[in-house]
Amino acid sequence: SSGINAEYGQGVILEAPFLSIPEVVLKSRAVRLLNYLYRGFLWRFSDPFMTRNVIGELGNVLILFARNDEVIPVDHATTLHSLCPGSELLLTDDGEHNFLIKQTEVRNKIKQYLGDDIKIAGN
């Protein structure tokens, strides 16, 4: 059966992606006071992982995210989805930051994205 990979020959799957490292750090509870005191300080560092700046160039993207992720706020996933025309976003109610692949809904979406012939370990 055909999937994104079979049709276009390439694709990207992002599991629990973030906009940028400074944006993850600045939204964490531990640094809210520091954020207030040193607003903009982290932005002065060069961040090689500015996902928000490159996601629109990636083409076919499947974004997998748990609504109750304890590390990355869900708005990172929805913002990245809005920045990447044609991307697909799966927000699952099950799972946490790690091990989304264990969720049946996620596994099924990956198989649909890559093609039904793909084998996922443990499935």
N, C-alpha and C. Protein backbone atom coordinates (compact mmCIF):
# COMPACT_ATOMS: atom_id res chain seq x y z
N SER A 1 0.84 -1.18 0.00
CA SER A 1 0.00 0.00 0.00
C SER A 1 0.89 1.24 0.00
N SER A 2 0.41 2.31 -0.59
CA SER A 2 1.25 3.50 -0.69
C SER A 2 1.07 4.39 0.52
N GLY A 3 2.14 5.02 0.92
CA GLY A 3 2.13 6.01 2.00
C GLY A 3 2.90 7.22 1.52
N ILE A 4 3.16 8.14 2.40
CA ILE A 4 3.91 9.35 2.05
C ILE A 4 5.26 8.97 1.46
N ASN A 5 5.96 8.06 2.12
CA ASN A 5 7.29 7.67 1.68
C ASN A 5 7.25 7.07 0.28
N ALA A 6 6.30 6.22 0.01
CA ALA A 6 6.21 5.57 -1.29
C ALA A 6 5.87 6.57 -2.39
N GLU A 7 5.04 7.55 -2.07
CA GLU A 7 4.62 8.52 -3.08
C GLU A 7 5.70 9.55 -3.40
N TYR A 8 6.36 10.07 -2.39
CA TYR A 8 7.32 11.15 -2.58
C TYR A 8 8.77 10.74 -2.40
N GLY A 9 9.00 9.57 -1.85
CA GLY A 9 10.37 9.10 -1.69
C GLY A 9 11.08 9.65 -0.48
N GLN A 10 10.42 10.49 0.29
CA GLN A 10 11.06 11.01 1.50
C GLN A 10 10.01 11.56 2.45
N GLY A 11 10.39 11.70 3.68
CA GLY A 11 9.50 12.24 4.70
C GLY A 11 10.25 12.32 6.01
N VAL A 12 9.70 13.08 6.95
CA VAL A 12 10.32 13.27 8.26
C VAL A 12 9.26 12.99 9.31
N ILE A 13 9.63 12.23 10.34
CA ILE A 13 8.76 12.01 11.48
C ILE A 13 9.42 12.67 12.68
N LEU A 14 8.70 13.58 13.34
CA LEU A 14 9.20 14.25 14.53
C LEU A 14 8.38 13.79 15.72
N GLU A 15 9.04 13.24 16.73
CA GLU A 15 8.36 12.79 17.94
C GLU A 15 8.67 13.77 19.06
N ALA A 16 7.63 14.39 19.61
CA ALA A 16 7.75 15.36 20.70
C ALA A 16 8.76 16.47 20.36
N PRO A 17 8.60 17.13 19.21
CA PRO A 17 9.56 18.17 18.83
C PRO A 17 9.37 19.46 19.62
N PHE A 18 10.42 20.28 19.65
CA PHE A 18 10.36 21.57 20.33
C PHE A 18 10.66 22.67 19.33
N LEU A 19 10.21 23.89 19.65
CA LEU A 19 10.47 25.04 18.79
C LEU A 19 11.95 25.40 18.81
N SER A 20 12.51 25.49 20.00
CA SER A 20 13.94 25.77 20.20
C SER A 20 14.27 25.45 21.66
N ILE A 21 15.53 25.21 21.93
CA ILE A 21 15.93 24.90 23.31
C ILE A 21 15.64 26.08 24.25
N PRO A 22 15.97 27.32 23.86
CA PRO A 22 15.63 28.42 24.77
C PRO A 22 14.13 28.49 25.10
N GLU A 23 13.27 28.20 24.14
CA GLU A 23 11.84 28.26 24.40
C GLU A 23 11.38 27.15 25.34
N VAL A 24 12.05 26.02 25.33
CA VAL A 24 11.73 24.95 26.27
C VAL A 24 12.16 25.39 27.67
N VAL A 25 13.36 25.89 27.77
CA VAL A 25 13.92 26.29 29.06
C VAL A 25 13.12 27.45 29.65
N LEU A 26 12.80 28.44 28.83
CA LEU A 26 12.10 29.62 29.34
C LEU A 26 10.69 29.32 29.82
N LYS A 27 10.09 28.24 29.32
CA LYS A 27 8.73 27.89 29.75
C LYS A 27 8.71 26.92 30.92
N SER A 28 9.86 26.43 31.33
CA SER A 28 9.87 25.48 32.43
C SER A 28 9.63 26.21 33.74
N ARG A 29 9.03 25.53 34.67
CA ARG A 29 8.71 26.14 35.98
C ARG A 29 9.97 26.57 36.72
N ALA A 30 11.03 25.80 36.55
CA ALA A 30 12.26 26.05 37.30
C ALA A 30 12.91 27.39 36.97
N VAL A 31 12.67 27.90 35.78
CA VAL A 31 13.36 29.13 35.40
C VAL A 31 12.43 30.32 35.18
N ARG A 32 11.20 30.25 35.63
CA ARG A 32 10.29 31.39 35.42
C ARG A 32 10.81 32.66 36.07
N LEU A 33 11.35 32.54 37.27
CA LEU A 33 11.90 33.72 37.94
C LEU A 33 13.12 34.24 37.17
N LEU A 34 13.98 33.31 36.75
CA LEU A 34 15.15 33.73 35.97
C LEU A 34 14.72 34.37 34.65
N ASN A 35 13.68 33.83 34.05
CA ASN A 35 13.15 34.41 32.83
C ASN A 35 12.74 35.86 33.06
N TYR A 36 12.09 36.09 34.17
CA TYR A 36 11.67 37.44 34.51
C TYR A 36 12.88 38.35 34.73
N LEU A 37 13.87 37.85 35.45
CA LEU A 37 15.04 38.66 35.79
C LEU A 37 15.99 38.85 34.61
N TYR A 38 16.14 37.81 33.81
CA TYR A 38 17.12 37.85 32.73
C TYR A 38 16.46 37.67 31.37
N ARG A 39 15.33 38.29 31.18
CA ARG A 39 14.57 38.15 29.93
C ARG A 39 15.49 38.39 28.73
N GLY A 40 15.44 37.46 27.81
CA GLY A 40 16.23 37.59 26.60
C GLY A 40 17.64 37.04 26.71
N PHE A 41 18.09 36.70 27.92
CA PHE A 41 19.47 36.23 28.10
C PHE A 41 19.76 34.97 27.28
N LEU A 42 18.87 33.99 27.33
CA LEU A 42 19.10 32.74 26.61
C LEU A 42 19.05 32.92 25.10
N TRP A 43 18.34 33.93 24.64
CA TRP A 43 18.24 34.16 23.20
C TRP A 43 19.55 34.60 22.59
N ARG A 44 20.48 35.03 23.41
CA ARG A 44 21.78 35.49 22.90
C ARG A 44 22.69 34.33 22.53
N PHE A 45 22.37 33.15 23.01
CA PHE A 45 23.15 31.97 22.68
C PHE A 45 22.74 31.44 21.32
N SER A 46 23.70 30.93 20.60
CA SER A 46 23.39 30.31 19.31
C SER A 46 22.78 28.94 19.58
N ASP A 47 21.62 28.70 19.01
CA ASP A 47 20.94 27.43 19.20
C ASP A 47 20.89 26.70 17.87
N PRO A 48 21.65 25.61 17.72
CA PRO A 48 21.64 24.87 16.45
C PRO A 48 20.35 24.09 16.25
N PHE A 49 19.49 24.07 17.24
CA PHE A 49 18.25 23.29 17.15
C PHE A 49 17.03 24.20 17.11
N MET A 50 17.06 25.19 16.25
CA MET A 50 15.94 26.10 16.09
C MET A 50 14.96 25.47 15.09
N THR A 51 14.22 24.50 15.56
CA THR A 51 13.29 23.77 14.71
C THR A 51 12.32 24.71 14.02
N ARG A 52 11.88 25.74 14.73
CA ARG A 52 10.93 26.68 14.16
C ARG A 52 11.46 27.36 12.90
N ASN A 53 12.79 27.48 12.76
CA ASN A 53 13.38 28.16 11.60
C ASN A 53 13.54 27.26 10.38
N VAL A 54 13.49 25.95 10.56
CA VAL A 54 13.76 25.05 9.44
C VAL A 54 12.60 24.12 9.07
N ILE A 55 11.61 24.02 9.92
CA ILE A 55 10.57 23.02 9.67
C ILE A 55 9.83 23.25 8.36
N GLY A 56 9.68 24.49 7.96
CA GLY A 56 8.97 24.78 6.71
C GLY A 56 9.70 24.30 5.48
N GLU A 57 11.00 24.00 5.60
CA GLU A 57 11.81 23.53 4.49
C GLU A 57 11.86 22.01 4.41
N LEU A 58 11.30 21.33 5.37
CA LEU A 58 11.45 19.87 5.45
C LEU A 58 10.54 19.10 4.52
N GLY A 59 9.48 19.71 4.05
CA GLY A 59 8.58 19.00 3.15
C GLY A 59 7.55 18.20 3.90
N ASN A 60 7.51 16.91 3.65
CA ASN A 60 6.51 16.03 4.26
C ASN A 60 6.91 15.71 5.69
N VAL A 61 6.11 16.20 6.63
CA VAL A 61 6.44 16.03 8.04
C VAL A 61 5.24 15.47 8.79
N LEU A 62 5.49 14.45 9.60
CA LEU A 62 4.51 13.92 10.52
C LEU A 62 4.98 14.27 11.92
N ILE A 63 4.17 15.01 12.67
CA ILE A 63 4.50 15.43 14.03
C ILE A 63 3.68 14.60 15.00
N LEU A 64 4.37 13.89 15.89
CA LEU A 64 3.72 13.04 16.90
C LEU A 64 3.94 13.68 18.26
N PHE A 65 2.86 13.82 19.02
CA PHE A 65 2.98 14.54 20.29
C PHE A 65 1.91 14.08 21.27
N ALA A 66 2.28 13.95 22.53
CA ALA A 66 1.33 13.62 23.59
C ALA A 66 0.83 14.92 24.23
N ARG A 67 -0.46 15.04 24.36
CA ARG A 67 -1.04 16.26 24.96
C ARG A 67 -0.52 16.51 26.37
N ASN A 68 -0.23 15.43 27.10
CA ASN A 68 0.22 15.58 28.48
C ASN A 68 1.73 15.44 28.62
N ASP A 69 2.47 15.84 27.59
CA ASP A 69 3.94 15.81 27.63
C ASP A 69 4.41 16.66 28.81
N GLU A 70 5.22 16.07 29.68
CA GLU A 70 5.69 16.77 30.86
C GLU A 70 6.97 17.57 30.62
N VAL A 71 7.55 17.46 29.43
CA VAL A 71 8.80 18.16 29.12
C VAL A 71 8.58 19.32 28.15
N ILE A 72 7.88 19.07 27.07
CA ILE A 72 7.66 20.07 26.03
C ILE A 72 6.18 20.46 26.02
N PRO A 73 5.87 21.75 26.14
CA PRO A 73 4.46 22.17 26.08
C PRO A 73 3.84 21.87 24.72
N VAL A 74 2.55 21.52 24.71
CA VAL A 74 1.86 21.12 23.49
C VAL A 74 1.83 22.24 22.45
N ASP A 75 1.94 23.48 22.86
CA ASP A 75 1.92 24.57 21.88
C ASP A 75 3.14 24.54 20.96
N HIS A 76 4.22 23.85 21.36
CA HIS A 76 5.36 23.68 20.45
C HIS A 76 4.93 22.86 19.24
N ALA A 77 4.18 21.79 19.47
CA ALA A 77 3.73 20.93 18.37
C ALA A 77 2.75 21.67 17.47
N THR A 78 1.80 22.38 18.05
CA THR A 78 0.81 23.07 17.23
C THR A 78 1.42 24.22 16.45
N THR A 79 2.39 24.90 17.04
CA THR A 79 3.09 25.98 16.32
C THR A 79 3.91 25.42 15.17
N LEU A 80 4.65 24.35 15.41
CA LEU A 80 5.45 23.74 14.34
C LEU A 80 4.54 23.27 13.21
N HIS A 81 3.41 22.70 13.55
CA HIS A 81 2.45 22.26 12.54
C HIS A 81 1.98 23.45 11.69
N SER A 82 1.73 24.58 12.32
CA SER A 82 1.28 25.76 11.58
C SER A 82 2.40 26.36 10.72
N LEU A 83 3.64 26.13 11.10
CA LEU A 83 4.78 26.65 10.34
C LEU A 83 5.19 25.77 9.16
N CYS A 84 4.60 24.59 9.07
CA CYS A 84 4.97 23.63 8.03
C CYS A 84 3.75 23.26 7.20
N PRO A 85 3.52 23.98 6.11
CA PRO A 85 2.37 23.66 5.27
C PRO A 85 2.42 22.21 4.80
N GLY A 86 1.29 21.55 4.89
CA GLY A 86 1.22 20.17 4.46
C GLY A 86 1.64 19.16 5.50
N SER A 87 2.06 19.62 6.68
CA SER A 87 2.45 18.67 7.72
C SER A 87 1.21 18.02 8.32
N GLU A 88 1.42 16.89 8.96
CA GLU A 88 0.35 16.20 9.69
C GLU A 88 0.70 16.23 11.16
N LEU A 89 -0.30 16.43 11.99
CA LEU A 89 -0.09 16.47 13.44
C LEU A 89 -1.00 15.44 14.10
N LEU A 90 -0.39 14.56 14.90
CA LEU A 90 -1.15 13.62 15.71
C LEU A 90 -0.91 13.98 17.16
N LEU A 91 -1.96 14.45 17.83
CA LEU A 91 -1.92 14.71 19.27
C LEU A 91 -2.63 13.56 19.94
N THR A 92 -1.90 12.79 20.71
CA THR A 92 -2.49 11.64 21.39
C THR A 92 -2.76 11.97 22.85
N ASP A 93 -3.84 11.42 23.36
CA ASP A 93 -4.17 11.60 24.76
C ASP A 93 -3.42 10.62 25.65
N ASP A 94 -2.87 9.58 25.04
CA ASP A 94 -2.10 8.59 25.77
C ASP A 94 -0.62 8.92 25.65
N GLY A 95 0.15 8.42 26.58
CA GLY A 95 1.59 8.60 26.50
C GLY A 95 2.06 9.86 27.18
N GLU A 96 3.36 9.98 27.22
CA GLU A 96 4.02 11.13 27.82
C GLU A 96 5.10 11.58 26.84
N HIS A 97 6.17 12.17 27.34
CA HIS A 97 7.22 12.68 26.46
C HIS A 97 7.95 11.55 25.73
N ASN A 98 8.24 10.50 26.43
CA ASN A 98 8.98 9.38 25.84
C ASN A 98 8.05 8.22 25.51
N PHE A 99 8.48 7.39 24.59
CA PHE A 99 7.83 6.13 24.28
C PHE A 99 6.45 6.27 23.63
N LEU A 100 6.26 7.30 22.81
CA LEU A 100 4.99 7.42 22.08
C LEU A 100 4.77 6.22 21.17
N ILE A 101 5.86 5.61 20.72
CA ILE A 101 5.78 4.49 19.79
C ILE A 101 5.02 3.31 20.39
N LYS A 102 4.91 3.27 21.71
CA LYS A 102 4.17 2.19 22.36
C LYS A 102 2.66 2.35 22.22
N GLN A 103 2.20 3.52 21.81
CA GLN A 103 0.77 3.77 21.67
C GLN A 103 0.27 3.23 20.32
N THR A 104 -0.81 2.48 20.35
CA THR A 104 -1.37 1.89 19.14
C THR A 104 -1.72 2.97 18.12
N GLU A 105 -2.31 4.06 18.57
CA GLU A 105 -2.69 5.16 17.68
C GLU A 105 -1.47 5.72 16.94
N VAL A 106 -0.37 5.86 17.64
CA VAL A 106 0.86 6.38 17.05
C VAL A 106 1.44 5.38 16.06
N ARG A 107 1.49 4.13 16.43
CA ARG A 107 2.01 3.08 15.55
C ARG A 107 1.21 3.00 14.25
N ASN A 108 -0.11 3.09 14.38
CA ASN A 108 -0.97 3.05 13.19
C ASN A 108 -0.74 4.25 12.29
N LYS A 109 -0.54 5.42 12.88
CA LYS A 109 -0.31 6.63 12.09
C LYS A 109 1.03 6.53 11.36
N ILE A 110 2.04 6.00 12.00
CA ILE A 110 3.35 5.82 11.36
C ILE A 110 3.23 4.86 10.19
N LYS A 111 2.51 3.77 10.39
CA LYS A 111 2.32 2.80 9.30
C LYS A 111 1.57 3.44 8.13
N GLN A 112 0.57 4.24 8.44
CA GLN A 112 -0.18 4.94 7.39
C GLN A 112 0.74 5.92 6.65
N TYR A 113 1.57 6.63 7.38
CA TYR A 113 2.47 7.64 6.82
C TYR A 113 3.54 7.00 5.93
N LEU A 114 4.12 5.90 6.41
CA LEU A 114 5.21 5.27 5.67
C LEU A 114 4.72 4.22 4.67
N GLY A 115 3.53 3.74 4.86
CA GLY A 115 2.99 2.68 4.00
C GLY A 115 2.70 1.46 4.86
N ASP A 116 1.61 0.80 4.55
CA ASP A 116 1.19 -0.33 5.38
C ASP A 116 2.17 -1.49 5.39
N ASP A 117 3.07 -1.54 4.43
CA ASP A 117 4.03 -2.64 4.36
C ASP A 117 5.16 -2.53 5.37
N ILE A 118 5.28 -1.37 6.01
CA ILE A 118 6.38 -1.14 6.95
C ILE A 118 6.18 -1.98 8.20
N LYS A 119 7.26 -2.49 8.73
CA LYS A 119 7.20 -3.27 9.97
C LYS A 119 7.78 -2.41 11.10
N ILE A 120 7.03 -2.33 12.19
CA ILE A 120 7.48 -1.58 13.37
C ILE A 120 7.87 -2.59 14.42
N ALA A 121 9.07 -2.45 14.97
CA ALA A 121 9.57 -3.40 15.97
C ALA A 121 8.58 -3.56 17.11
N GLY A 122 8.36 -4.78 17.52
CA GLY A 122 7.47 -5.06 18.63
C GLY A 122 6.02 -5.12 18.22
N ASN A 123 5.74 -5.00 16.92
CA ASN A 123 4.36 -5.00 16.45
C ASN A 123 4.03 -6.34 15.81
